[in-house]
Amino acid sequence: MSPKIFSLQEREETKIKMLNAGFTLIKEYGMTHASVEKVTKAVGLGKSTFYNFFPSKEMFVYEIIKYQRDRVKQFFMDTLNGREKMTVVEAKDFLKKIIFSNDSIYQYLTAEDEARLKAALPPEFRIDNRSETVVMNNLLDHIEDVRKDIDFKVVANLIKIMALAMFNQDVLHADALKRTLNHIYELLFSFIFEEDA
């Protein structure tokens, strides 16, 4: 059987279908068990077709992360709605929505998954602390009343602590988890915004 020839539009649509299916499978099974076979079956393609789109499973997961970041950027731009900056209230709401959105892949990746991605991806595709700072700077440039002395490392650590709490919530007091996260949000916001904001 000859391989399917995709038009540019079909190729892009198929790639997006695979990214969406892959993320759904990662949410359900985790990265290790979200196999290439499951992804291609979910979108009605043969396994070999996957490798015409992505050179490896790790690059596929990286593409899911990138695709989600692009969607978050679009959501941010939609929230700005042509304005230079969003208000503190809008920014707090935006941060709460994106940190623990069901569309945040990080809550479904284990430390082993992240180590596997780091080991398998070329340096230019790795997501590191430096790229986190660049993303955070770009975001904060469009928000009112951001502290001049912001400590990006503390902000990043607080977000990661919340992600760890969500990932390991089975060892925490379930009835106090929401209150705990709200307190961490307030602490996070105190490191991002001026005191009177």
N, C-alpha and C. Protein backbone atom coordinates (compact mmCIF):
# COMPACT_ATOMS: atom_id res chain seq x y z
N MET A 1 0.85 -1.18 0.00
CA MET A 1 0.00 0.00 0.00
C MET A 1 0.90 1.24 0.00
N SER A 2 0.64 2.18 -0.89
CA SER A 2 1.47 3.38 -0.98
C SER A 2 1.12 4.36 0.14
N PRO A 3 2.11 5.15 0.59
CA PRO A 3 1.85 6.09 1.68
C PRO A 3 0.89 7.20 1.25
N LYS A 4 0.12 7.68 2.21
CA LYS A 4 -0.84 8.75 1.94
C LYS A 4 -0.09 10.05 1.69
N ILE A 5 -0.51 10.77 0.67
CA ILE A 5 0.05 12.08 0.37
C ILE A 5 -0.91 13.12 0.96
N PHE A 6 -0.36 14.00 1.81
CA PHE A 6 -1.16 15.03 2.46
C PHE A 6 -0.93 16.37 1.78
N SER A 7 -2.01 17.13 1.57
CA SER A 7 -1.84 18.53 1.16
C SER A 7 -1.33 19.28 2.38
N LEU A 8 -0.83 20.50 2.17
CA LEU A 8 -0.34 21.29 3.32
C LEU A 8 -1.43 21.48 4.37
N GLN A 9 -2.65 21.76 3.93
CA GLN A 9 -3.75 21.97 4.87
C GLN A 9 -4.08 20.67 5.60
N GLU A 10 -4.13 19.55 4.87
CA GLU A 10 -4.41 18.25 5.50
C GLU A 10 -3.30 17.90 6.49
N ARG A 11 -2.08 18.21 6.13
CA ARG A 11 -0.94 17.92 7.01
C ARG A 11 -1.08 18.69 8.32
N GLU A 12 -1.39 19.98 8.23
CA GLU A 12 -1.54 20.79 9.44
C GLU A 12 -2.72 20.32 10.28
N GLU A 13 -3.84 20.01 9.63
CA GLU A 13 -5.02 19.53 10.36
C GLU A 13 -4.74 18.19 11.05
N THR A 14 -4.03 17.30 10.34
CA THR A 14 -3.69 15.99 10.91
C THR A 14 -2.74 16.15 12.08
N LYS A 15 -1.77 17.04 11.95
CA LYS A 15 -0.82 17.29 13.03
C LYS A 15 -1.56 17.77 14.28
N ILE A 16 -2.48 18.72 14.11
CA ILE A 16 -3.25 19.24 15.25
C ILE A 16 -4.11 18.15 15.87
N LYS A 17 -4.71 17.30 15.03
CA LYS A 17 -5.50 16.17 15.56
C LYS A 17 -4.62 15.25 16.40
N MET A 18 -3.40 14.97 15.91
CA MET A 18 -2.50 14.11 16.68
C MET A 18 -2.07 14.77 17.99
N LEU A 19 -1.80 16.08 17.95
CA LEU A 19 -1.41 16.78 19.18
C LEU A 19 -2.54 16.73 20.21
N ASN A 20 -3.77 16.98 19.76
CA ASN A 20 -4.91 16.94 20.67
C ASN A 20 -5.15 15.53 21.20
N ALA A 21 -5.08 14.54 20.31
CA ALA A 21 -5.27 13.15 20.74
C ALA A 21 -4.16 12.73 21.70
N GLY A 22 -2.93 13.12 21.39
CA GLY A 22 -1.81 12.78 22.26
C GLY A 22 -1.96 13.35 23.65
N PHE A 23 -2.41 14.60 23.72
CA PHE A 23 -2.58 15.21 25.04
C PHE A 23 -3.70 14.52 25.82
N THR A 24 -4.79 14.20 25.14
CA THR A 24 -5.89 13.48 25.79
C THR A 24 -5.38 12.14 26.35
N LEU A 25 -4.56 11.46 25.57
CA LEU A 25 -4.01 10.18 26.02
C LEU A 25 -3.02 10.36 27.18
N ILE A 26 -2.22 11.41 27.15
CA ILE A 26 -1.30 11.68 28.26
C ILE A 26 -2.09 11.95 29.54
N LYS A 27 -3.18 12.70 29.42
CA LYS A 27 -4.02 12.95 30.61
C LYS A 27 -4.58 11.65 31.17
N GLU A 28 -4.94 10.74 30.28
CA GLU A 28 -5.56 9.50 30.71
C GLU A 28 -4.54 8.45 31.18
N TYR A 29 -3.43 8.31 30.44
CA TYR A 29 -2.49 7.22 30.70
C TYR A 29 -1.12 7.66 31.22
N GLY A 30 -0.80 8.94 31.13
CA GLY A 30 0.55 9.40 31.41
C GLY A 30 1.39 9.30 30.15
N MET A 31 2.54 9.96 30.16
CA MET A 31 3.37 10.02 28.96
C MET A 31 3.88 8.63 28.54
N THR A 32 4.30 7.83 29.50
CA THR A 32 4.87 6.52 29.18
C THR A 32 3.88 5.62 28.44
N HIS A 33 2.63 5.64 28.87
CA HIS A 33 1.64 4.72 28.31
C HIS A 33 0.78 5.34 27.21
N ALA A 34 1.03 6.59 26.88
CA ALA A 34 0.36 7.22 25.74
C ALA A 34 1.20 6.90 24.51
N SER A 35 1.05 5.70 24.01
CA SER A 35 1.94 5.19 22.97
C SER A 35 1.64 5.80 21.60
N VAL A 36 2.62 5.69 20.73
CA VAL A 36 2.46 6.14 19.35
C VAL A 36 1.29 5.41 18.70
N GLU A 37 1.17 4.11 18.98
CA GLU A 37 0.05 3.33 18.42
C GLU A 37 -1.30 3.89 18.86
N LYS A 38 -1.40 4.25 20.13
CA LYS A 38 -2.67 4.81 20.63
C LYS A 38 -2.97 6.15 19.97
N VAL A 39 -1.94 6.96 19.77
CA VAL A 39 -2.15 8.28 19.13
C VAL A 39 -2.64 8.10 17.71
N THR A 40 -1.94 7.26 16.93
CA THR A 40 -2.32 7.11 15.52
C THR A 40 -3.68 6.42 15.39
N LYS A 41 -3.96 5.49 16.27
CA LYS A 41 -5.28 4.82 16.24
C LYS A 41 -6.39 5.83 16.51
N ALA A 42 -6.14 6.74 17.47
CA ALA A 42 -7.16 7.74 17.84
C ALA A 42 -7.51 8.67 16.67
N VAL A 43 -6.57 8.87 15.75
CA VAL A 43 -6.85 9.77 14.61
C VAL A 43 -7.01 9.00 13.30
N GLY A 44 -7.03 7.66 13.38
CA GLY A 44 -7.29 6.84 12.19
C GLY A 44 -6.14 6.74 11.21
N LEU A 45 -4.91 6.72 11.73
CA LEU A 45 -3.73 6.61 10.87
C LEU A 45 -2.91 5.38 11.26
N GLY A 46 -2.03 4.98 10.37
CA GLY A 46 -1.09 3.90 10.68
C GLY A 46 0.07 4.44 11.50
N LYS A 47 0.69 3.55 12.27
CA LYS A 47 1.79 3.95 13.15
C LYS A 47 2.93 4.61 12.38
N SER A 48 3.27 4.09 11.21
CA SER A 48 4.40 4.64 10.45
C SER A 48 4.15 6.09 10.03
N THR A 49 2.89 6.46 9.87
CA THR A 49 2.56 7.85 9.47
C THR A 49 3.00 8.83 10.55
N PHE A 50 2.94 8.41 11.81
CA PHE A 50 3.35 9.28 12.92
C PHE A 50 4.74 9.85 12.67
N TYR A 51 5.65 8.99 12.22
CA TYR A 51 7.05 9.39 12.05
C TYR A 51 7.27 10.28 10.82
N ASN A 52 6.24 10.44 9.99
CA ASN A 52 6.30 11.45 8.93
C ASN A 52 6.03 12.85 9.48
N PHE A 53 5.48 12.90 10.68
CA PHE A 53 5.15 14.17 11.33
C PHE A 53 6.12 14.52 12.45
N PHE A 54 6.53 13.51 13.20
CA PHE A 54 7.37 13.72 14.38
C PHE A 54 8.50 12.70 14.38
N PRO A 55 9.74 13.13 14.60
CA PRO A 55 10.87 12.19 14.56
C PRO A 55 10.92 11.25 15.76
N SER A 56 10.25 11.62 16.87
CA SER A 56 10.28 10.77 18.07
C SER A 56 9.09 11.11 18.95
N LYS A 57 8.81 10.23 19.88
CA LYS A 57 7.73 10.48 20.83
C LYS A 57 8.05 11.70 21.70
N GLU A 58 9.31 11.85 22.08
CA GLU A 58 9.71 12.99 22.91
C GLU A 58 9.51 14.31 22.17
N MET A 59 9.84 14.33 20.88
CA MET A 59 9.61 15.55 20.09
C MET A 59 8.12 15.82 19.94
N PHE A 60 7.33 14.76 19.86
CA PHE A 60 5.88 14.88 19.82
C PHE A 60 5.36 15.56 21.09
N VAL A 61 5.85 15.10 22.26
CA VAL A 61 5.43 15.70 23.53
C VAL A 61 5.88 17.16 23.59
N TYR A 62 7.10 17.44 23.13
CA TYR A 62 7.57 18.83 23.05
C TYR A 62 6.62 19.66 22.19
N GLU A 63 6.18 19.12 21.06
CA GLU A 63 5.25 19.84 20.17
C GLU A 63 3.91 20.08 20.86
N ILE A 64 3.47 19.13 21.69
CA ILE A 64 2.22 19.35 22.46
C ILE A 64 2.41 20.53 23.40
N ILE A 65 3.55 20.57 24.10
CA ILE A 65 3.85 21.67 25.02
C ILE A 65 3.86 23.00 24.27
N LYS A 66 4.53 23.03 23.13
CA LYS A 66 4.61 24.24 22.32
C LYS A 66 3.23 24.68 21.82
N TYR A 67 2.45 23.73 21.37
CA TYR A 67 1.09 24.00 20.88
C TYR A 67 0.23 24.60 22.00
N GLN A 68 0.36 24.06 23.20
CA GLN A 68 -0.40 24.59 24.33
C GLN A 68 0.05 26.00 24.69
N ARG A 69 1.38 26.23 24.65
CA ARG A 69 1.89 27.57 24.94
C ARG A 69 1.33 28.58 23.95
N ASP A 70 1.27 28.19 22.68
CA ASP A 70 0.72 29.08 21.65
C ASP A 70 -0.75 29.39 21.94
N ARG A 71 -1.49 28.38 22.41
CA ARG A 71 -2.90 28.61 22.75
C ARG A 71 -3.03 29.55 23.95
N VAL A 72 -2.13 29.40 24.94
CA VAL A 72 -2.14 30.30 26.10
C VAL A 72 -1.81 31.72 25.67
N LYS A 73 -0.82 31.87 24.77
CA LYS A 73 -0.47 33.20 24.25
C LYS A 73 -1.67 33.83 23.56
N GLN A 74 -2.40 33.02 22.78
CA GLN A 74 -3.58 33.55 22.09
C GLN A 74 -4.65 33.96 23.10
N PHE A 75 -4.85 33.16 24.14
CA PHE A 75 -5.80 33.50 25.20
C PHE A 75 -5.40 34.81 25.87
N PHE A 76 -4.09 34.98 26.10
CA PHE A 76 -3.57 36.21 26.70
C PHE A 76 -3.86 37.40 25.80
N MET A 77 -3.59 37.25 24.49
CA MET A 77 -3.84 38.34 23.55
C MET A 77 -5.34 38.65 23.46
N ASP A 78 -6.16 37.62 23.50
CA ASP A 78 -7.62 37.83 23.49
C ASP A 78 -8.06 38.58 24.74
N THR A 79 -7.45 38.26 25.88
CA THR A 79 -7.78 38.96 27.13
C THR A 79 -7.35 40.42 27.06
N LEU A 80 -6.17 40.66 26.48
CA LEU A 80 -5.72 42.05 26.30
C LEU A 80 -6.65 42.82 25.37
N ASN A 81 -7.15 42.14 24.35
CA ASN A 81 -8.12 42.73 23.43
C ASN A 81 -7.63 44.06 22.85
N GLY A 82 -6.36 44.09 22.40
CA GLY A 82 -5.82 45.28 21.77
C GLY A 82 -5.22 46.31 22.71
N ARG A 83 -5.39 46.11 24.02
CA ARG A 83 -4.82 47.04 24.99
C ARG A 83 -3.35 46.74 25.21
N GLU A 84 -2.62 47.70 25.73
CA GLU A 84 -1.19 47.49 26.04
C GLU A 84 -1.02 46.60 27.27
N LYS A 85 -1.88 46.80 28.30
CA LYS A 85 -1.72 46.06 29.55
C LYS A 85 -3.08 45.62 30.09
N MET A 86 -3.07 44.50 30.80
CA MET A 86 -4.28 44.07 31.49
C MET A 86 -4.20 44.51 32.95
N THR A 87 -5.34 44.63 33.57
CA THR A 87 -5.40 45.06 34.96
C THR A 87 -4.90 43.95 35.88
N VAL A 88 -4.63 44.28 37.13
CA VAL A 88 -4.20 43.31 38.12
C VAL A 88 -5.28 42.24 38.31
N VAL A 89 -6.54 42.67 38.39
CA VAL A 89 -7.64 41.72 38.57
C VAL A 89 -7.70 40.74 37.41
N GLU A 90 -7.59 41.25 36.18
CA GLU A 90 -7.59 40.38 35.00
C GLU A 90 -6.38 39.44 35.03
N ALA A 91 -5.23 39.98 35.42
CA ALA A 91 -4.00 39.18 35.44
C ALA A 91 -4.09 38.05 36.46
N LYS A 92 -4.62 38.35 37.64
CA LYS A 92 -4.77 37.31 38.66
C LYS A 92 -5.70 36.21 38.17
N ASP A 93 -6.80 36.62 37.54
CA ASP A 93 -7.76 35.65 37.01
C ASP A 93 -7.10 34.81 35.90
N PHE A 94 -6.36 35.48 35.02
CA PHE A 94 -5.66 34.80 33.93
C PHE A 94 -4.67 33.78 34.49
N LEU A 95 -3.85 34.18 35.47
CA LEU A 95 -2.86 33.28 36.05
C LEU A 95 -3.51 32.07 36.71
N LYS A 96 -4.62 32.30 37.42
CA LYS A 96 -5.32 31.18 38.04
C LYS A 96 -5.84 30.21 36.98
N LYS A 97 -6.34 30.76 35.88
CA LYS A 97 -6.88 29.89 34.82
C LYS A 97 -5.79 29.07 34.15
N ILE A 98 -4.61 29.66 33.92
CA ILE A 98 -3.59 28.92 33.17
C ILE A 98 -2.75 28.01 34.04
N ILE A 99 -2.53 28.36 35.29
CA ILE A 99 -1.65 27.53 36.12
C ILE A 99 -2.24 26.14 36.31
N PHE A 100 -3.53 26.05 36.59
CA PHE A 100 -4.13 24.74 36.78
C PHE A 100 -5.24 24.44 35.81
N SER A 101 -5.07 24.94 34.63
CA SER A 101 -5.99 24.59 33.57
C SER A 101 -5.85 23.11 33.26
N ASN A 102 -6.93 22.48 32.85
CA ASN A 102 -6.84 21.10 32.39
C ASN A 102 -5.96 21.00 31.14
N ASP A 103 -5.67 22.15 30.54
CA ASP A 103 -4.83 22.17 29.35
C ASP A 103 -3.36 22.40 29.68
N SER A 104 -2.99 22.28 30.94
CA SER A 104 -1.58 22.40 31.31
C SER A 104 -0.99 20.99 31.41
N ILE A 105 -0.13 20.66 30.47
CA ILE A 105 0.44 19.31 30.41
C ILE A 105 1.31 19.00 31.62
N TYR A 106 1.86 20.03 32.24
CA TYR A 106 2.82 19.80 33.32
C TYR A 106 2.23 19.03 34.49
N GLN A 107 0.93 19.16 34.72
CA GLN A 107 0.35 18.42 35.84
C GLN A 107 0.21 16.94 35.53
N TYR A 108 0.46 16.54 34.28
CA TYR A 108 0.35 15.13 33.89
C TYR A 108 1.72 14.49 33.64
N LEU A 109 2.78 15.28 33.72
CA LEU A 109 4.12 14.75 33.50
C LEU A 109 4.80 14.48 34.83
N THR A 110 5.41 13.34 34.95
CA THR A 110 6.15 13.01 36.16
C THR A 110 7.57 13.57 36.05
N ALA A 111 8.30 13.54 37.15
CA ALA A 111 9.70 13.97 37.13
C ALA A 111 10.49 13.08 36.17
N GLU A 112 10.14 11.79 36.12
CA GLU A 112 10.81 10.87 35.19
C GLU A 112 10.52 11.25 33.74
N ASP A 113 9.28 11.67 33.46
CA ASP A 113 8.92 12.11 32.10
C ASP A 113 9.76 13.32 31.71
N GLU A 114 9.85 14.29 32.62
CA GLU A 114 10.61 15.50 32.32
C GLU A 114 12.09 15.18 32.11
N ALA A 115 12.63 14.26 32.91
CA ALA A 115 14.03 13.86 32.74
C ALA A 115 14.22 13.16 31.39
N ARG A 116 13.26 12.34 31.01
CA ARG A 116 13.32 11.65 29.72
C ARG A 116 13.29 12.64 28.56
N LEU A 117 12.43 13.65 28.66
CA LEU A 117 12.37 14.69 27.62
C LEU A 117 13.70 15.44 27.55
N LYS A 118 14.22 15.80 28.70
CA LYS A 118 15.48 16.55 28.74
C LYS A 118 16.62 15.75 28.11
N ALA A 119 16.65 14.46 28.39
CA ALA A 119 17.72 13.61 27.85
C ALA A 119 17.57 13.38 26.35
N ALA A 120 16.33 13.31 25.86
CA ALA A 120 16.10 12.95 24.46
C ALA A 120 16.08 14.13 23.50
N LEU A 121 15.74 15.31 24.00
CA LEU A 121 15.61 16.46 23.11
C LEU A 121 16.94 17.18 22.92
N PRO A 122 17.19 17.67 21.71
CA PRO A 122 18.39 18.50 21.50
C PRO A 122 18.30 19.76 22.37
N PRO A 123 19.44 20.35 22.73
CA PRO A 123 19.45 21.51 23.64
C PRO A 123 18.51 22.65 23.19
N GLU A 124 18.42 22.90 21.90
CA GLU A 124 17.59 24.02 21.43
C GLU A 124 16.09 23.79 21.65
N PHE A 125 15.68 22.55 21.96
CA PHE A 125 14.27 22.27 22.19
C PHE A 125 13.94 22.08 23.66
N ARG A 126 14.92 22.16 24.51
CA ARG A 126 14.67 21.95 25.94
C ARG A 126 14.00 23.16 26.56
N ILE A 127 13.13 22.89 27.52
CA ILE A 127 12.47 23.95 28.26
C ILE A 127 13.22 24.09 29.57
N ASP A 128 13.92 25.20 29.72
CA ASP A 128 14.75 25.36 30.90
C ASP A 128 14.36 26.62 31.67
N ASN A 129 15.09 26.88 32.76
CA ASN A 129 14.78 28.04 33.61
C ASN A 129 14.92 29.35 32.86
N ARG A 130 15.88 29.43 31.95
CA ARG A 130 16.09 30.66 31.19
C ARG A 130 14.89 30.97 30.29
N SER A 131 14.38 29.95 29.62
CA SER A 131 13.21 30.18 28.75
C SER A 131 11.98 30.51 29.58
N GLU A 132 11.86 29.93 30.79
CA GLU A 132 10.76 30.28 31.69
C GLU A 132 10.79 31.77 32.02
N THR A 133 12.00 32.29 32.30
CA THR A 133 12.16 33.70 32.65
C THR A 133 11.77 34.60 31.49
N VAL A 134 12.15 34.22 30.28
CA VAL A 134 11.80 35.01 29.08
C VAL A 134 10.29 35.05 28.92
N VAL A 135 9.64 33.89 29.03
CA VAL A 135 8.17 33.82 28.91
C VAL A 135 7.52 34.68 29.98
N MET A 136 8.01 34.56 31.23
CA MET A 136 7.43 35.33 32.34
C MET A 136 7.62 36.83 32.11
N ASN A 137 8.80 37.24 31.66
CA ASN A 137 9.05 38.66 31.38
C ASN A 137 8.09 39.19 30.33
N ASN A 138 7.91 38.44 29.24
CA ASN A 138 7.00 38.86 28.17
C ASN A 138 5.58 39.01 28.69
N LEU A 139 5.17 38.10 29.53
CA LEU A 139 3.84 38.15 30.11
C LEU A 139 3.68 39.38 31.01
N LEU A 140 4.64 39.57 31.92
CA LEU A 140 4.53 40.64 32.91
C LEU A 140 4.67 42.03 32.30
N ASP A 141 5.30 42.13 31.14
CA ASP A 141 5.40 43.42 30.44
C ASP A 141 4.03 43.96 30.06
N HIS A 142 3.03 43.09 30.02
CA HIS A 142 1.68 43.50 29.59
C HIS A 142 0.68 43.47 30.75
N ILE A 143 1.19 43.60 31.96
CA ILE A 143 0.33 43.61 33.15
C ILE A 143 0.65 44.85 33.98
N GLU A 144 -0.40 45.50 34.48
CA GLU A 144 -0.23 46.70 35.31
C GLU A 144 0.31 46.33 36.70
N ASP A 145 1.00 47.29 37.32
CA ASP A 145 1.41 47.23 38.73
C ASP A 145 2.27 46.03 39.11
N VAL A 146 3.14 45.62 38.19
CA VAL A 146 4.08 44.54 38.50
C VAL A 146 5.24 45.12 39.30
N ARG A 147 5.68 44.39 40.31
CA ARG A 147 6.80 44.84 41.15
C ARG A 147 8.05 45.05 40.31
N LYS A 148 8.79 46.09 40.63
CA LYS A 148 10.06 46.36 39.94
C LYS A 148 11.14 45.37 40.39
N ASP A 149 11.01 44.90 41.65
CA ASP A 149 12.02 44.01 42.22
C ASP A 149 11.58 42.54 42.21
N ILE A 150 10.79 42.18 41.22
CA ILE A 150 10.24 40.82 41.17
C ILE A 150 11.36 39.78 41.15
N ASP A 151 11.17 38.74 41.92
CA ASP A 151 12.13 37.64 42.00
C ASP A 151 11.55 36.47 41.19
N PHE A 152 11.99 36.36 39.94
CA PHE A 152 11.43 35.36 39.03
C PHE A 152 11.61 33.94 39.54
N LYS A 153 12.71 33.68 40.23
CA LYS A 153 12.95 32.33 40.71
C LYS A 153 11.94 31.93 41.79
N VAL A 154 11.61 32.88 42.67
CA VAL A 154 10.62 32.60 43.71
C VAL A 154 9.25 32.41 43.05
N VAL A 155 8.92 33.25 42.09
CA VAL A 155 7.64 33.12 41.38
C VAL A 155 7.56 31.76 40.70
N ALA A 156 8.61 31.38 39.98
CA ALA A 156 8.63 30.07 39.29
C ALA A 156 8.52 28.92 40.30
N ASN A 157 9.23 29.04 41.43
CA ASN A 157 9.17 27.99 42.45
C ASN A 157 7.78 27.86 43.05
N LEU A 158 7.11 28.98 43.30
CA LEU A 158 5.76 28.91 43.86
C LEU A 158 4.80 28.23 42.88
N ILE A 159 4.94 28.54 41.60
CA ILE A 159 4.09 27.88 40.59
C ILE A 159 4.39 26.39 40.56
N LYS A 160 5.67 26.03 40.63
CA LYS A 160 6.04 24.61 40.63
C LYS A 160 5.56 23.91 41.90
N ILE A 161 5.59 24.60 43.03
CA ILE A 161 5.07 24.02 44.28
C ILE A 161 3.59 23.71 44.14
N MET A 162 2.84 24.63 43.51
CA MET A 162 1.42 24.37 43.30
C MET A 162 1.22 23.17 42.37
N ALA A 163 2.05 23.08 41.33
CA ALA A 163 1.96 21.94 40.41
C ALA A 163 2.27 20.63 41.14
N LEU A 164 3.31 20.65 42.00
CA LEU A 164 3.65 19.47 42.78
C LEU A 164 2.51 19.08 43.72
N ALA A 165 1.88 20.09 44.31
CA ALA A 165 0.75 19.83 45.21
C ALA A 165 -0.39 19.14 44.45
N MET A 166 -0.67 19.62 43.24
CA MET A 166 -1.74 19.02 42.45
C MET A 166 -1.37 17.60 42.03
N PHE A 167 -0.12 17.41 41.66
CA PHE A 167 0.31 16.10 41.19
C PHE A 167 0.34 15.08 42.32
N ASN A 168 0.62 15.56 43.54
CA ASN A 168 0.73 14.67 44.70
C ASN A 168 -0.40 14.89 45.70
N GLN A 169 -1.56 15.27 45.21
CA GLN A 169 -2.63 15.63 46.14
C GLN A 169 -3.12 14.45 46.98
N ASP A 170 -2.81 13.23 46.57
CA ASP A 170 -3.23 12.08 47.36
C ASP A 170 -2.53 12.01 48.72
N VAL A 171 -1.41 12.73 48.90
CA VAL A 171 -0.72 12.74 50.20
C VAL A 171 -1.07 13.99 51.02
N LEU A 172 -1.93 14.84 50.46
CA LEU A 172 -2.33 16.07 51.16
C LEU A 172 -3.74 15.91 51.71
N HIS A 173 -4.14 16.85 52.55
CA HIS A 173 -5.51 16.87 53.08
C HIS A 173 -6.43 17.39 51.99
N ALA A 174 -7.22 16.51 51.41
CA ALA A 174 -8.07 16.86 50.27
C ALA A 174 -9.05 17.98 50.60
N ASP A 175 -9.59 17.97 51.83
CA ASP A 175 -10.58 18.98 52.19
C ASP A 175 -9.97 20.37 52.39
N ALA A 176 -8.63 20.44 52.44
CA ALA A 176 -7.97 21.75 52.61
C ALA A 176 -7.15 22.15 51.39
N LEU A 177 -7.17 21.34 50.33
CA LEU A 177 -6.32 21.61 49.18
C LEU A 177 -6.67 22.93 48.50
N LYS A 178 -7.94 23.17 48.27
CA LYS A 178 -8.35 24.42 47.60
C LYS A 178 -7.93 25.64 48.43
N ARG A 179 -8.15 25.58 49.75
CA ARG A 179 -7.76 26.70 50.62
C ARG A 179 -6.24 26.88 50.60
N THR A 180 -5.52 25.76 50.61
CA THR A 180 -4.06 25.83 50.58
C THR A 180 -3.59 26.51 49.30
N LEU A 181 -4.14 26.08 48.18
CA LEU A 181 -3.75 26.68 46.89
C LEU A 181 -4.10 28.16 46.85
N ASN A 182 -5.23 28.54 47.42
CA ASN A 182 -5.60 29.96 47.45
C ASN A 182 -4.59 30.77 48.26
N HIS A 183 -4.10 30.21 49.36
CA HIS A 183 -3.07 30.90 50.15
C HIS A 183 -1.76 31.02 49.36
N ILE A 184 -1.42 29.96 48.63
CA ILE A 184 -0.21 30.03 47.82
C ILE A 184 -0.39 31.05 46.69
N TYR A 185 -1.59 31.12 46.11
CA TYR A 185 -1.86 32.15 45.11
C TYR A 185 -1.62 33.55 45.68
N GLU A 186 -2.13 33.78 46.89
CA GLU A 186 -1.96 35.10 47.49
C GLU A 186 -0.47 35.40 47.72
N LEU A 187 0.28 34.40 48.15
CA LEU A 187 1.72 34.57 48.32
C LEU A 187 2.37 34.85 46.97
N LEU A 188 2.00 34.08 45.96
CA LEU A 188 2.52 34.28 44.60
C LEU A 188 2.24 35.70 44.13
N PHE A 189 1.01 36.15 44.31
CA PHE A 189 0.64 37.48 43.85
C PHE A 189 1.39 38.56 44.61
N SER A 190 1.73 38.31 45.88
CA SER A 190 2.49 39.31 46.65
C SER A 190 3.90 39.46 46.09
N PHE A 191 4.42 38.43 45.43
CA PHE A 191 5.74 38.52 44.80
C PHE A 191 5.68 39.12 43.41
N ILE A 192 4.48 39.15 42.82
CA ILE A 192 4.36 39.69 41.44
C ILE A 192 3.91 41.14 41.43
N PHE A 193 2.93 41.49 42.27
CA PHE A 193 2.30 42.80 42.18
C PHE A 193 2.72 43.74 43.32
N GLU A 194 2.70 45.04 43.03
CA GLU A 194 2.95 46.05 44.06
C GLU A 194 1.97 45.88 45.20
N GLU A 195 2.37 46.27 46.40
CA GLU A 195 1.55 46.05 47.61
C GLU A 195 0.15 46.62 47.52
N ASP A 196 0.00 47.80 46.93
CA ASP A 196 -1.33 48.44 46.91
C ASP A 196 -2.15 48.01 45.71
N ALA A 197 -1.66 47.08 44.91
CA ALA A 197 -2.40 46.66 43.71
C ALA A 197 -3.52 45.72 44.05
